[in-house]
């Protein structure tokens, strides 16, 4: 829930908007921006209109997306 700073009313948090651009091909593992682990299975994404590099595990576990 989000809380208005002026009137203190509570509102439901909007759903996270995720757009998967595609897989990233790397020679060596790189860091997932969500879990912080070095992974080989990274995907380029936009999460709430911000660019991100996220692993398949985080997409499945956190958002239920099967890339």
PDB file of N, CA and C in Angstrom:
ATOM      1  N   UNK A   1       0.837  -1.183   0.000  1.00  0.00           N
ATOM      2  CA  UNK A   1       0.000   0.000   0.000  1.00  0.00           C
ATOM      3  C   UNK A   1       0.886   1.251   0.000  1.00  0.00           C
ATOM      4  N   UNK A   2       0.434   2.243  -0.721  1.00  0.00           N
ATOM      5  CA  UNK A   2       1.094   3.543  -0.736  1.00  0.00           C
ATOM      6  C   UNK A   2       0.284   4.505   0.108  1.00  0.00           C
ATOM      7  N   UNK A   3       0.959   5.427   0.763  1.00  0.00           N
ATOM      8  CA  UNK A   3       0.275   6.379   1.635  1.00  0.00           C
ATOM      9  C   UNK A   3       0.504   7.794   1.111  1.00  0.00           C
ATOM     10  N   UNK A   4      -0.577   8.565   0.962  1.00  0.00           N
ATOM     11  CA  UNK A   4      -0.482   9.955   0.529  1.00  0.00           C
ATOM     12  C   UNK A   4       0.142  10.778   1.653  1.00  0.00           C
ATOM     13  N   UNK A   5       1.161  11.580   1.325  1.00  0.00           N
ATOM     14  CA  UNK A   5       1.840  12.368   2.356  1.00  0.00           C
ATOM     15  C   UNK A   5       0.990  13.526   2.863  1.00  0.00           C
ATOM     16  N   UNK A   6       0.003  13.948   2.092  1.00  0.00           N
ATOM     17  CA  UNK A   6      -0.847  15.066   2.517  1.00  0.00           C
ATOM     18  C   UNK A   6      -2.041  14.613   3.354  1.00  0.00           C
ATOM     19  N   UNK A   7      -2.803  13.657   2.824  1.00  0.00           N
ATOM     20  CA  UNK A   7      -4.048  13.281   3.502  1.00  0.00           C
ATOM     21  C   UNK A   7      -3.944  11.945   4.232  1.00  0.00           C
ATOM     22  N   UNK A   8      -2.842  11.251   4.124  1.00  0.00           N
ATOM     23  CA  UNK A   8      -2.564   9.950   4.753  1.00  0.00           C
ATOM     24  C   UNK A   8      -3.508   8.829   4.312  1.00  0.00           C
ATOM     25  N   UNK A   9      -4.244   9.036   3.187  1.00  0.00           N
ATOM     26  CA  UNK A   9      -5.058   7.944   2.660  1.00  0.00           C
ATOM     27  C   UNK A   9      -4.154   6.895   2.055  1.00  0.00           C
ATOM     28  N   UNK A  10      -4.582   5.653   2.115  1.00  0.00           N
ATOM     29  CA  UNK A  10      -3.792   4.559   1.565  1.00  0.00           C
ATOM     30  C   UNK A  10      -4.385   4.100   0.242  1.00  0.00           C
ATOM     31  N   UNK A  11      -3.500   3.804  -0.697  1.00  0.00           N
ATOM     32  CA  UNK A  11      -3.880   3.355  -2.021  1.00  0.00           C
ATOM     33  C   UNK A  11      -3.134   2.065  -2.335  1.00  0.00           C
ATOM     34  N   UNK A  12      -3.747   1.165  -3.107  1.00  0.00           N
ATOM     35  CA  UNK A  12      -3.019  -0.043  -3.507  1.00  0.00           C
ATOM     36  C   UNK A  12      -1.871   0.320  -4.449  1.00  0.00           C
ATOM     37  N   UNK A  13      -0.768  -0.397  -4.301  1.00  0.00           N
ATOM     38  CA  UNK A  13       0.402  -0.182  -5.167  1.00  0.00           C
ATOM     39  C   UNK A  13       0.077  -0.692  -6.570  1.00  0.00           C
ATOM     40  N   UNK A  14       0.381   0.093  -7.610  1.00  0.00           N
ATOM     41  CA  UNK A  14       0.114  -0.376  -8.976  1.00  0.00           C
ATOM     42  C   UNK A  14       0.992  -1.573  -9.328  1.00  0.00           C
ATOM     43  N   UNK A  15       0.523  -2.384 -10.237  1.00  0.00           N
ATOM     44  CA  UNK A  15       1.275  -3.567 -10.662  1.00  0.00           C
ATOM     45  C   UNK A  15       2.566  -3.141 -11.354  1.00  0.00           C
ATOM     46  N   UNK A  16       3.595  -3.945 -11.193  1.00  0.00           N
ATOM     47  CA  UNK A  16       4.878  -3.678 -11.829  1.00  0.00           C
ATOM     48  C   UNK A  16       4.766  -3.962 -13.322  1.00  0.00           C
ATOM     49  N   UNK A  17       5.149  -2.987 -14.131  1.00  0.00           N
ATOM     50  CA  UNK A  17       5.125  -3.157 -15.586  1.00  0.00           C
ATOM     51  C   UNK A  17       6.480  -3.684 -16.036  1.00  0.00           C
ATOM     52  N   UNK A  18       6.487  -4.877 -16.655  1.00  0.00           N
ATOM     53  CA  UNK A  18       7.727  -5.504 -17.098  1.00  0.00           C
ATOM     54  C   UNK A  18       7.643  -5.786 -18.587  1.00  0.00           C
ATOM     55  N   UNK A  19       8.637  -5.311 -19.318  1.00  0.00           N
ATOM     56  CA  UNK A  19       8.747  -5.591 -20.749  1.00  0.00           C
ATOM     57  C   UNK A  19      10.104  -6.246 -20.979  1.00  0.00           C
ATOM     58  N   UNK A  20      10.104  -7.483 -21.459  1.00  0.00           N
ATOM     59  CA  UNK A  20      11.348  -8.200 -21.710  1.00  0.00           C
ATOM     60  C   UNK A  20      11.792  -7.909 -23.137  1.00  0.00           C
ATOM     61  N   UNK A  21      12.981  -7.344 -23.277  1.00  0.00           N
ATOM     62  CA  UNK A  21      13.529  -7.006 -24.592  1.00  0.00           C
ATOM     63  C   UNK A  21      14.113  -8.250 -25.256  1.00  0.00           C
ATOM     64  N   UNK A  22      14.892  -9.021 -24.500  1.00  0.00           N
ATOM     65  CA  UNK A  22      15.469 -10.243 -25.050  1.00  0.00           C
ATOM     66  C   UNK A  22      16.675 -10.700 -24.258  1.00  0.00           C
ATOM     67  N   UNK A  23      17.222 -11.862 -24.629  1.00  0.00           N
ATOM     68  CA  UNK A  23      18.385 -12.396 -23.924  1.00  0.00           C
ATOM     69  C   UNK A  23      19.645 -11.593 -24.231  1.00  0.00           C
ATOM     70  N   UNK A  24      20.584 -11.641 -23.309  1.00  0.00           N
ATOM     71  CA  UNK A  24      21.877 -10.985 -23.473  1.00  0.00           C
ATOM     72  C   UNK A  24      22.925 -12.075 -23.613  1.00  0.00           C
ATOM     73  N   UNK A  25      23.733 -12.013 -24.667  1.00  0.00           N
ATOM     74  CA  UNK A  25      24.786 -12.999 -24.887  1.00  0.00           C
ATOM     75  C   UNK A  25      26.098 -12.451 -24.338  1.00  0.00           C
ATOM     76  N   UNK A  26      26.644 -13.148 -23.347  1.00  0.00           N
ATOM     77  CA  UNK A  26      27.882 -12.722 -22.701  1.00  0.00           C
ATOM     78  C   UNK A  26      28.900 -13.852 -22.700  1.00  0.00           C
ATOM     79  N   UNK A  27      30.185 -13.501 -22.751  1.00  0.00           N
ATOM     80  CA  UNK A  27      31.236 -14.513 -22.688  1.00  0.00           C
ATOM     81  C   UNK A  27      31.415 -15.046 -21.274  1.00  0.00           C
ATOM     82  N   UNK A  28      31.208 -14.188 -20.283  1.00  0.00           N
ATOM     83  CA  UNK A  28      31.337 -14.617 -18.891  1.00  0.00           C
ATOM     84  C   UNK A  28      30.127 -14.105 -18.113  1.00  0.00           C
ATOM     85  N   UNK A  29      29.828 -14.714 -16.978  1.00  0.00           N
ATOM     86  CA  UNK A  29      28.666 -14.291 -16.192  1.00  0.00           C
ATOM     87  C   UNK A  29      28.753 -12.821 -15.776  1.00  0.00           C
ATOM     88  N   UNK A  30      27.611 -12.182 -15.684  1.00  0.00           N
ATOM     89  CA  UNK A  30      27.519 -10.801 -15.245  1.00  0.00           C
ATOM     90  C   UNK A  30      26.457 -10.711 -14.154  1.00  0.00           C
ATOM     91  N   UNK A  31      26.388  -9.588 -13.458  1.00  0.00           N
ATOM     92  CA  UNK A  31      25.527  -9.461 -12.283  1.00  0.00           C
ATOM     93  C   UNK A  31      24.072  -9.137 -12.641  1.00  0.00           C
ATOM     94  N   UNK A  32      23.156  -9.877 -12.031  1.00  0.00           N
ATOM     95  CA  UNK A  32      21.724  -9.585 -12.117  1.00  0.00           C
ATOM     96  C   UNK A  32      21.445  -8.375 -11.230  1.00  0.00           C
ATOM     97  N   UNK A  33      20.696  -7.400 -11.736  1.00  0.00           N
ATOM     98  CA  UNK A  33      20.422  -6.194 -10.965  1.00  0.00           C
ATOM     99  C   UNK A  33      19.364  -6.407  -9.885  1.00  0.00           C
ATOM    100  N   UNK A  34      18.680  -7.533  -9.903  1.00  0.00           N
ATOM    101  CA  UNK A  34      17.674  -7.809  -8.883  1.00  0.00           C
ATOM    102  C   UNK A  34      18.267  -8.578  -7.705  1.00  0.00           C
ATOM    103  N   UNK A  35      18.921  -9.714  -7.968  1.00  0.00           N
ATOM    104  CA  UNK A  35      19.429 -10.561  -6.879  1.00  0.00           C
ATOM    105  C   UNK A  35      20.908 -10.331  -6.582  1.00  0.00           C
ATOM    106  N   UNK A  36      21.643  -9.683  -7.508  1.00  0.00           N
ATOM    107  CA  UNK A  36      23.047  -9.375  -7.284  1.00  0.00           C
ATOM    108  C   UNK A  36      24.011 -10.523  -7.527  1.00  0.00           C
ATOM    109  N   UNK A  37      23.532 -11.644  -8.043  1.00  0.00           N
ATOM    110  CA  UNK A  37      24.393 -12.797  -8.299  1.00  0.00           C
ATOM    111  C   UNK A  37      24.938 -12.744  -9.724  1.00  0.00           C
ATOM    112  N   UNK A  38      26.140 -13.311  -9.910  1.00  0.00           N
ATOM    113  CA  UNK A  38      26.692 -13.439 -11.257  1.00  0.00           C
ATOM    114  C   UNK A  38      25.966 -14.561 -11.973  1.00  0.00           C
ATOM    115  N   UNK A  39      25.323 -14.240 -13.092  1.00  0.00           N
ATOM    116  CA  UNK A  39      24.511 -15.211 -13.826  1.00  0.00           C
ATOM    117  C   UNK A  39      24.828 -15.143 -15.308  1.00  0.00           C
ATOM    118  N   UNK A  40      24.584 -16.234 -16.008  1.00  0.00           N
ATOM    119  CA  UNK A  40      24.779 -16.309 -17.458  1.00  0.00           C
ATOM    120  C   UNK A  40      23.449 -16.111 -18.201  1.00  0.00           C
ATOM    121  N   UNK A  41      22.314 -16.365 -17.526  1.00  0.00           N
ATOM    122  CA  UNK A  41      20.982 -16.355 -18.153  1.00  0.00           C
ATOM    123  C   UNK A  41      20.274 -15.008 -17.987  1.00  0.00           C
ATOM    124  N   UNK A  42      20.913 -13.924 -18.406  1.00  0.00           N
ATOM    125  CA  UNK A  42      20.369 -12.583 -18.202  1.00  0.00           C
ATOM    126  C   UNK A  42      19.459 -12.158 -19.347  1.00  0.00           C
ATOM    127  N   UNK A  43      18.491 -11.317 -19.009  1.00  0.00           N
ATOM    128  CA  UNK A  43      17.553 -10.759 -19.984  1.00  0.00           C
ATOM    129  C   UNK A  43      17.556  -9.238 -19.843  1.00  0.00           C
ATOM    130  N   UNK A  44      17.555  -8.554 -20.977  1.00  0.00           N
ATOM    131  CA  UNK A  44      17.399  -7.102 -20.978  1.00  0.00           C
ATOM    132  C   UNK A  44      15.914  -6.806 -20.815  1.00  0.00           C
ATOM    133  N   UNK A  45      15.570  -5.940 -19.881  1.00  0.00           N
ATOM    134  CA  UNK A  45      14.164  -5.654 -19.564  1.00  0.00           C
ATOM    135  C   UNK A  45      13.964  -4.166 -19.297  1.00  0.00           C
ATOM    136  N   UNK A  46      12.715  -3.769 -19.337  1.00  0.00           N
ATOM    137  CA  UNK A  46      12.278  -2.496 -18.778  1.00  0.00           C
ATOM    138  C   UNK A  46      11.355  -2.846 -17.622  1.00  0.00           C
ATOM    139  N   UNK A  47      11.685  -2.387 -16.426  1.00  0.00           N
ATOM    140  CA  UNK A  47      10.854  -2.608 -15.249  1.00  0.00           C
ATOM    141  C   UNK A  47      10.380  -1.242 -14.784  1.00  0.00           C
ATOM    142  N   UNK A  48       9.087  -1.011 -14.865  1.00  0.00           N
ATOM    143  CA  UNK A  48       8.497   0.303 -14.589  1.00  0.00           C
ATOM    144  C   UNK A  48       9.221   1.400 -15.370  1.00  0.00           C
ATOM    145  N   UNK A  49       9.433   1.168 -16.659  1.00  0.00           N
ATOM    146  CA  UNK A  49      10.052   2.110 -17.600  1.00  0.00           C
ATOM    147  C   UNK A  49      11.521   2.414 -17.315  1.00  0.00           C
ATOM    148  N   UNK A  50      12.197   1.596 -16.511  1.00  0.00           N
ATOM    149  CA  UNK A  50      13.630   1.755 -16.276  1.00  0.00           C
ATOM    150  C   UNK A  50      14.352   0.527 -16.804  1.00  0.00           C
ATOM    151  N   UNK A  51      15.455   0.747 -17.522  1.00  0.00           N
ATOM    152  CA  UNK A  51      16.230  -0.359 -18.083  1.00  0.00           C
ATOM    153  C   UNK A  51      16.839  -1.193 -16.963  1.00  0.00           C
ATOM    154  N   UNK A  52      16.823  -2.517 -17.144  1.00  0.00           N
ATOM    155  CA  UNK A  52      17.385  -3.429 -16.147  1.00  0.00           C
ATOM    156  C   UNK A  52      17.898  -4.684 -16.831  1.00  0.00           C
ATOM    157  N   UNK A  53      18.851  -5.336 -16.167  1.00  0.00           N
ATOM    158  CA  UNK A  53      19.375  -6.625 -16.610  1.00  0.00           C
ATOM    159  C   UNK A  53      19.045  -7.615 -15.502  1.00  0.00           C
ATOM    160  N   UNK A  54      18.136  -8.561 -15.795  1.00  0.00           N
ATOM    161  CA  UNK A  54      17.597  -9.457 -14.773  1.00  0.00           C
ATOM    162  C   UNK A  54      17.735 -10.904 -15.232  1.00  0.00           C
ATOM    163  N   UNK A  55      18.036 -11.810 -14.296  1.00  0.00           N
ATOM    164  CA  UNK A  55      18.190 -13.227 -14.637  1.00  0.00           C
ATOM    165  C   UNK A  55      16.823 -13.910 -14.754  1.00  0.00           C
ATOM    166  N   UNK A  56      16.828 -15.069 -15.409  1.00  0.00           N
ATOM    167  CA  UNK A  56      15.589 -15.835 -15.580  1.00  0.00           C
ATOM    168  C   UNK A  56      14.984 -16.225 -14.238  1.00  0.00           C
ATOM    169  N   UNK A  57      15.824 -16.563 -13.272  1.00  0.00           N
ATOM    170  CA  UNK A  57      15.334 -16.967 -11.953  1.00  0.00           C
ATOM    171  C   UNK A  57      14.517 -15.880 -11.280  1.00  0.00           C
ATOM    172  N   UNK A  58      14.985 -14.642 -11.337  1.00  0.00           N
ATOM    173  CA  UNK A  58      14.239 -13.533 -10.731  1.00  0.00           C
ATOM    174  C   UNK A  58      12.934 -13.276 -11.474  1.00  0.00           C
ATOM    175  N   UNK A  59      12.961 -13.376 -12.806  1.00  0.00           N
ATOM    176  CA  UNK A  59      11.726 -13.176 -13.566  1.00  0.00           C
ATOM    177  C   UNK A  59      10.681 -14.217 -13.185  1.00  0.00           C
ATOM    178  N   UNK A  60      11.110 -15.467 -12.988  1.00  0.00           N
ATOM    179  CA  UNK A  60      10.179 -16.538 -12.619  1.00  0.00           C
ATOM    180  C   UNK A  60       9.719 -16.409 -11.174  1.00  0.00           C
ATOM    181  N   UNK A  61      10.661 -16.233 -10.248  1.00  0.00           N
ATOM    182  CA  UNK A  61      10.343 -16.236  -8.819  1.00  0.00           C
ATOM    183  C   UNK A  61       9.577 -14.995  -8.369  1.00  0.00           C
ATOM    184  N   UNK A  62       9.998 -13.823  -8.816  1.00  0.00           N
ATOM    185  CA  UNK A  62       9.403 -12.581  -8.324  1.00  0.00           C
ATOM    186  C   UNK A  62       8.152 -12.164  -9.076  1.00  0.00           C
ATOM    187  N   UNK A  63       8.122 -12.413 -10.393  1.00  0.00           N
ATOM    188  CA  UNK A  63       7.006 -11.914 -11.184  1.00  0.00           C
ATOM    189  C   UNK A  63       6.227 -13.001 -11.897  1.00  0.00           C
ATOM    190  N   UNK A  64       6.623 -14.252 -11.774  1.00  0.00           N
ATOM    191  CA  UNK A  64       5.888 -15.348 -12.400  1.00  0.00           C
ATOM    192  C   UNK A  64       5.955 -15.351 -13.914  1.00  0.00           C
ATOM    193  N   UNK A  65       7.027 -14.789 -14.475  1.00  0.00           N
ATOM    194  CA  UNK A  65       7.184 -14.725 -15.926  1.00  0.00           C
ATOM    195  C   UNK A  65       8.132 -15.826 -16.365  1.00  0.00           C
ATOM    196  N   UNK A  66       7.737 -16.584 -17.380  1.00  0.00           N
ATOM    197  CA  UNK A  66       8.597 -17.637 -17.915  1.00  0.00           C
ATOM    198  C   UNK A  66       9.183 -17.150 -19.238  1.00  0.00           C
ATOM    199  N   UNK A  67      10.435 -16.652 -19.195  1.00  0.00           N
ATOM    200  CA  UNK A  67      11.017 -16.098 -20.423  1.00  0.00           C
ATOM    201  C   UNK A  67      11.288 -17.209 -21.362  1.00  0.00           C
TER     202      UNK A  67
END
